[in-house]
């Protein structure tokens, strides 16, 4: 059994499974929002005067989130902050997930993974805050669709939970005494009868 505690190792495995599910959900959610932004029905059929009157209202919805900058003229950038979180979480997941298959690397990867996870958690919490604001805005729900916002929010909440779980279980994990005594070639080694003379 990897590690000195079976429940802690199972926690490591569970944290990575939750992270995988969360990553898929948040990617789908942000993808749905981006697809809607790319083909926004709000701008269809508007005259120049109507568009000029609508843009400030659209901008105001996003300025109030403090994390989503409005791009009424370039939809590709509308959810760039959310995409950045998705990409950063993928990096962290690719750093931590292989350790489930190769647990002997957990102690070596942990000093790098935990700071990245802590940084990702802060970004995810900020992102949750901004998407919660979108969920409360009737205009945002009308423009982007309540379901799309909800899927994104659900995915972000799952990512935060998965990050908490990963931080806790990777932080608690310790190699078993047998794993600590194993050499590079996978053979156990011991030192006996060492005499030091001065």
Protein backbone atom coordinates (compact mmCIF):
# COMPACT_ATOMS: atom_id res chain seq x y z
CA UNK A 1 0.00 0.00 0.00
CA UNK A 2 1.41 3.42 -0.91
CA UNK A 3 1.97 5.85 1.92
CA UNK A 4 1.81 5.33 5.65
CA UNK A 5 -2.00 5.66 5.82
CA UNK A 6 -4.49 3.94 3.55
CA UNK A 7 -7.29 6.50 4.14
CA UNK A 8 -4.96 9.38 3.24
CA UNK A 9 -3.88 7.66 0.02
CA UNK A 10 -7.54 7.03 -0.83
CA UNK A 11 -8.12 10.74 -0.16
CA UNK A 12 -5.37 11.56 -2.68
CA UNK A 13 -7.07 9.32 -5.25
CA UNK A 14 -10.51 10.79 -4.52
CA UNK A 15 -9.19 14.35 -4.79
CA UNK A 16 -7.85 13.64 -8.27
CA UNK A 17 -11.10 11.99 -9.40
CA UNK A 18 -13.10 15.00 -8.15
CA UNK A 19 -10.61 17.29 -9.90
CA UNK A 20 -11.10 15.43 -13.17
CA UNK A 21 -14.90 15.69 -12.96
CA UNK A 22 -14.68 19.35 -11.92
CA UNK A 23 -12.30 20.14 -14.75
CA UNK A 24 -14.65 18.61 -17.31
CA UNK A 25 -17.70 20.46 -15.91
CA UNK A 26 -15.99 23.86 -15.75
CA UNK A 27 -14.55 23.45 -19.25
CA UNK A 28 -18.01 22.64 -20.62
CA UNK A 29 -19.53 25.61 -18.74
CA UNK A 30 -16.97 28.13 -19.93
CA UNK A 31 -17.18 26.66 -23.41
CA UNK A 32 -20.96 27.17 -23.43
CA UNK A 33 -20.54 30.78 -22.32
CA UNK A 34 -17.89 31.37 -24.98
CA UNK A 35 -20.05 29.85 -27.73
CA UNK A 36 -22.87 32.20 -26.72
CA UNK A 37 -20.48 35.19 -26.62
CA UNK A 38 -19.18 34.33 -30.09
CA UNK A 39 -22.70 34.47 -31.54
CA UNK A 40 -24.47 36.87 -29.21
CA UNK A 41 -28.10 37.40 -30.19
CA UNK A 42 -28.08 40.70 -28.27
CA UNK A 43 -26.34 42.49 -31.14
CA UNK A 44 -28.46 41.07 -33.98
CA UNK A 45 -30.68 43.42 -35.89
CA UNK A 46 -29.71 46.53 -33.94
CA UNK A 47 -29.27 49.88 -35.60
CA UNK A 48 -26.17 51.93 -34.79
CA UNK A 49 -28.19 54.01 -32.30
CA UNK A 50 -29.62 50.95 -30.56
CA UNK A 51 -26.18 49.37 -30.32
CA UNK A 52 -24.70 52.59 -28.92
CA UNK A 53 -27.39 52.57 -26.23
CA UNK A 54 -26.95 48.84 -25.44
CA UNK A 55 -23.15 48.71 -25.16
CA UNK A 56 -22.93 50.79 -21.93
CA UNK A 57 -25.51 48.53 -20.24
CA UNK A 58 -23.64 45.42 -21.42
CA UNK A 59 -20.34 46.87 -20.18
CA UNK A 60 -21.88 47.76 -16.82
CA UNK A 61 -22.91 44.14 -16.18
CA UNK A 62 -19.31 42.97 -16.52
CA UNK A 63 -17.65 45.94 -14.80
CA UNK A 64 -19.69 45.15 -11.69
CA UNK A 65 -18.10 41.69 -11.45
CA UNK A 66 -14.67 43.37 -11.16
CA UNK A 67 -13.04 40.33 -12.80
CA UNK A 68 -14.70 40.06 -16.21
CA UNK A 69 -13.81 42.86 -18.60
CA UNK A 70 -16.48 43.51 -21.23
CA UNK A 71 -15.55 43.07 -24.87
CA UNK A 72 -18.71 43.91 -26.81
CA UNK A 73 -16.75 44.20 -30.06
CA UNK A 74 -14.44 41.20 -29.66
CA UNK A 75 -16.20 38.18 -28.21
CA UNK A 76 -13.09 35.99 -28.25
CA UNK A 77 -11.81 37.86 -25.18
CA UNK A 78 -15.07 38.01 -23.22
CA UNK A 79 -14.30 35.03 -20.97
CA UNK A 80 -10.51 35.13 -21.07
CA UNK A 81 -10.26 35.17 -17.26
CA UNK A 82 -12.34 32.00 -17.03
CA UNK A 83 -10.24 30.34 -19.72
CA UNK A 84 -7.06 31.29 -17.86
CA UNK A 85 -8.37 29.49 -14.76
CA UNK A 86 -9.25 26.42 -16.85
CA UNK A 87 -5.76 26.34 -18.37
CA UNK A 88 -4.00 26.88 -15.03
CA UNK A 89 -6.09 24.14 -13.40
CA UNK A 90 -5.18 21.77 -16.24
CA UNK A 91 -1.50 22.47 -15.56
CA UNK A 92 -1.93 21.72 -11.86
CA UNK A 93 -3.99 18.59 -12.58
CA UNK A 94 -1.33 17.29 -14.97
CA UNK A 95 1.22 17.84 -12.21
CA UNK A 96 -0.70 16.01 -9.48
CA UNK A 97 -2.77 13.32 -11.25
CA UNK A 98 0.11 11.09 -12.40
CA UNK A 99 1.09 10.69 -8.75
CA UNK A 100 -2.02 8.55 -8.24
CA UNK A 101 -0.54 6.02 -10.66
CA UNK A 102 2.99 6.51 -9.36
CA UNK A 103 2.59 7.32 -5.65
CA UNK A 104 6.31 7.15 -5.00
CA UNK A 105 6.51 10.59 -6.63
CA UNK A 106 3.98 12.27 -4.31
CA UNK A 107 6.59 13.38 -1.78
CA UNK A 108 8.79 14.74 -4.58
CA UNK A 109 5.96 16.56 -6.41
CA UNK A 110 4.22 17.87 -3.28
CA UNK A 111 6.55 20.87 -2.64
CA UNK A 112 5.85 22.12 -6.18
CA UNK A 113 2.17 21.16 -6.36
CA UNK A 114 0.92 22.70 -3.11
CA UNK A 115 1.96 26.32 -3.91
CA UNK A 116 0.45 26.01 -7.40
CA UNK A 117 -2.75 24.61 -5.88
CA UNK A 118 -2.90 27.45 -3.37
CA UNK A 119 -2.48 30.01 -6.18
CA UNK A 120 -5.11 28.23 -8.29
CA UNK A 121 -7.53 28.18 -5.37
CA UNK A 122 -7.33 31.97 -5.01
CA UNK A 123 -8.01 32.42 -8.73
CA UNK A 124 -10.92 29.97 -8.60
CA UNK A 125 -12.48 31.75 -5.60
CA UNK A 126 -12.23 35.10 -7.42
CA UNK A 127 -13.79 33.51 -10.46
CA UNK A 128 -16.64 32.05 -8.40
CA UNK A 129 -17.34 35.54 -7.08
CA UNK A 130 -17.60 37.02 -10.56
CA UNK A 131 -19.77 34.21 -11.94
CA UNK A 132 -22.08 34.47 -8.90
CA UNK A 133 -22.60 38.10 -9.86
CA UNK A 134 -23.50 37.04 -13.40
CA UNK A 135 -25.97 34.55 -11.92
CA UNK A 136 -27.64 37.38 -9.99
CA UNK A 137 -27.86 39.69 -13.00
CA UNK A 138 -31.08 39.35 -14.98
CA UNK A 139 -29.41 40.93 -18.00
CA UNK A 140 -26.52 38.45 -17.89
CA UNK A 141 -28.95 35.54 -17.53
CA UNK A 142 -30.96 36.84 -20.49
CA UNK A 143 -27.89 37.42 -22.65
CA UNK A 144 -25.83 34.32 -21.84
CA UNK A 145 -28.46 31.92 -20.55
CA UNK A 146 -29.04 30.96 -16.94
CA UNK A 147 -28.12 27.31 -17.56
CA UNK A 148 -24.73 28.21 -19.07
CA UNK A 149 -23.90 30.41 -16.11
CA UNK A 150 -25.06 27.70 -13.68
CA UNK A 151 -22.91 24.99 -15.32
CA UNK A 152 -19.87 27.27 -15.14
CA UNK A 153 -20.56 28.10 -11.50
CA UNK A 154 -21.10 24.44 -10.60
CA UNK A 155 -17.82 23.54 -12.28
CA UNK A 156 -15.95 26.29 -10.45
CA UNK A 157 -17.40 25.18 -7.10
CA UNK A 158 -16.32 21.60 -7.82
CA UNK A 159 -12.84 22.82 -8.76
CA UNK A 160 -12.59 24.71 -5.45
CA UNK A 161 -13.70 21.61 -3.51
CA UNK A 162 -11.21 19.46 -5.45
CA UNK A 163 -8.41 21.96 -4.74
CA UNK A 164 -9.22 21.91 -1.03
CA UNK A 165 -9.22 18.11 -1.04
CA UNK A 166 -5.93 17.93 -2.95
CA UNK A 167 -4.24 20.43 -0.64
CA UNK A 168 -5.41 18.52 2.44
CA UNK A 169 -4.56 15.00 1.28
CA UNK A 170 -1.30 15.84 -0.48
CA UNK A 171 -0.31 17.81 2.61
CA UNK A 172 -1.04 14.84 4.91
CA UNK A 173 0.54 12.17 2.70
CA UNK A 174 3.81 10.60 3.84
CA UNK A 175 5.72 7.73 2.31
CA UNK A 176 5.62 4.52 4.29
CA UNK A 177 8.81 3.57 6.17
CA UNK A 178 9.46 0.85 3.56
CA UNK A 179 9.17 3.39 0.73
CA UNK A 180 11.60 5.71 2.51
CA UNK A 181 14.16 2.91 2.78
CA UNK A 182 13.91 1.93 -0.87
CA UNK A 183 16.85 2.95 -3.03
CA UNK A 184 16.76 4.39 -6.52
CA UNK A 185 16.81 0.96 -8.15
CA UNK A 186 13.83 -0.17 -6.08
CA UNK A 187 15.97 -2.39 -3.85
CA UNK A 188 15.93 -2.10 -0.12
CA UNK A 189 19.20 -1.12 1.45
CA UNK A 190 20.38 -0.97 4.99
CA UNK A 191 23.60 0.15 6.57
CA UNK A 192 25.03 -2.20 9.20
CA UNK A 193 28.20 -2.35 11.20
CA UNK A 194 29.40 1.16 10.50
CA UNK A 195 32.46 2.06 12.54
CA UNK A 196 33.81 5.56 12.65
CA UNK A 197 37.21 6.20 14.10
CA UNK A 198 38.84 9.52 14.66
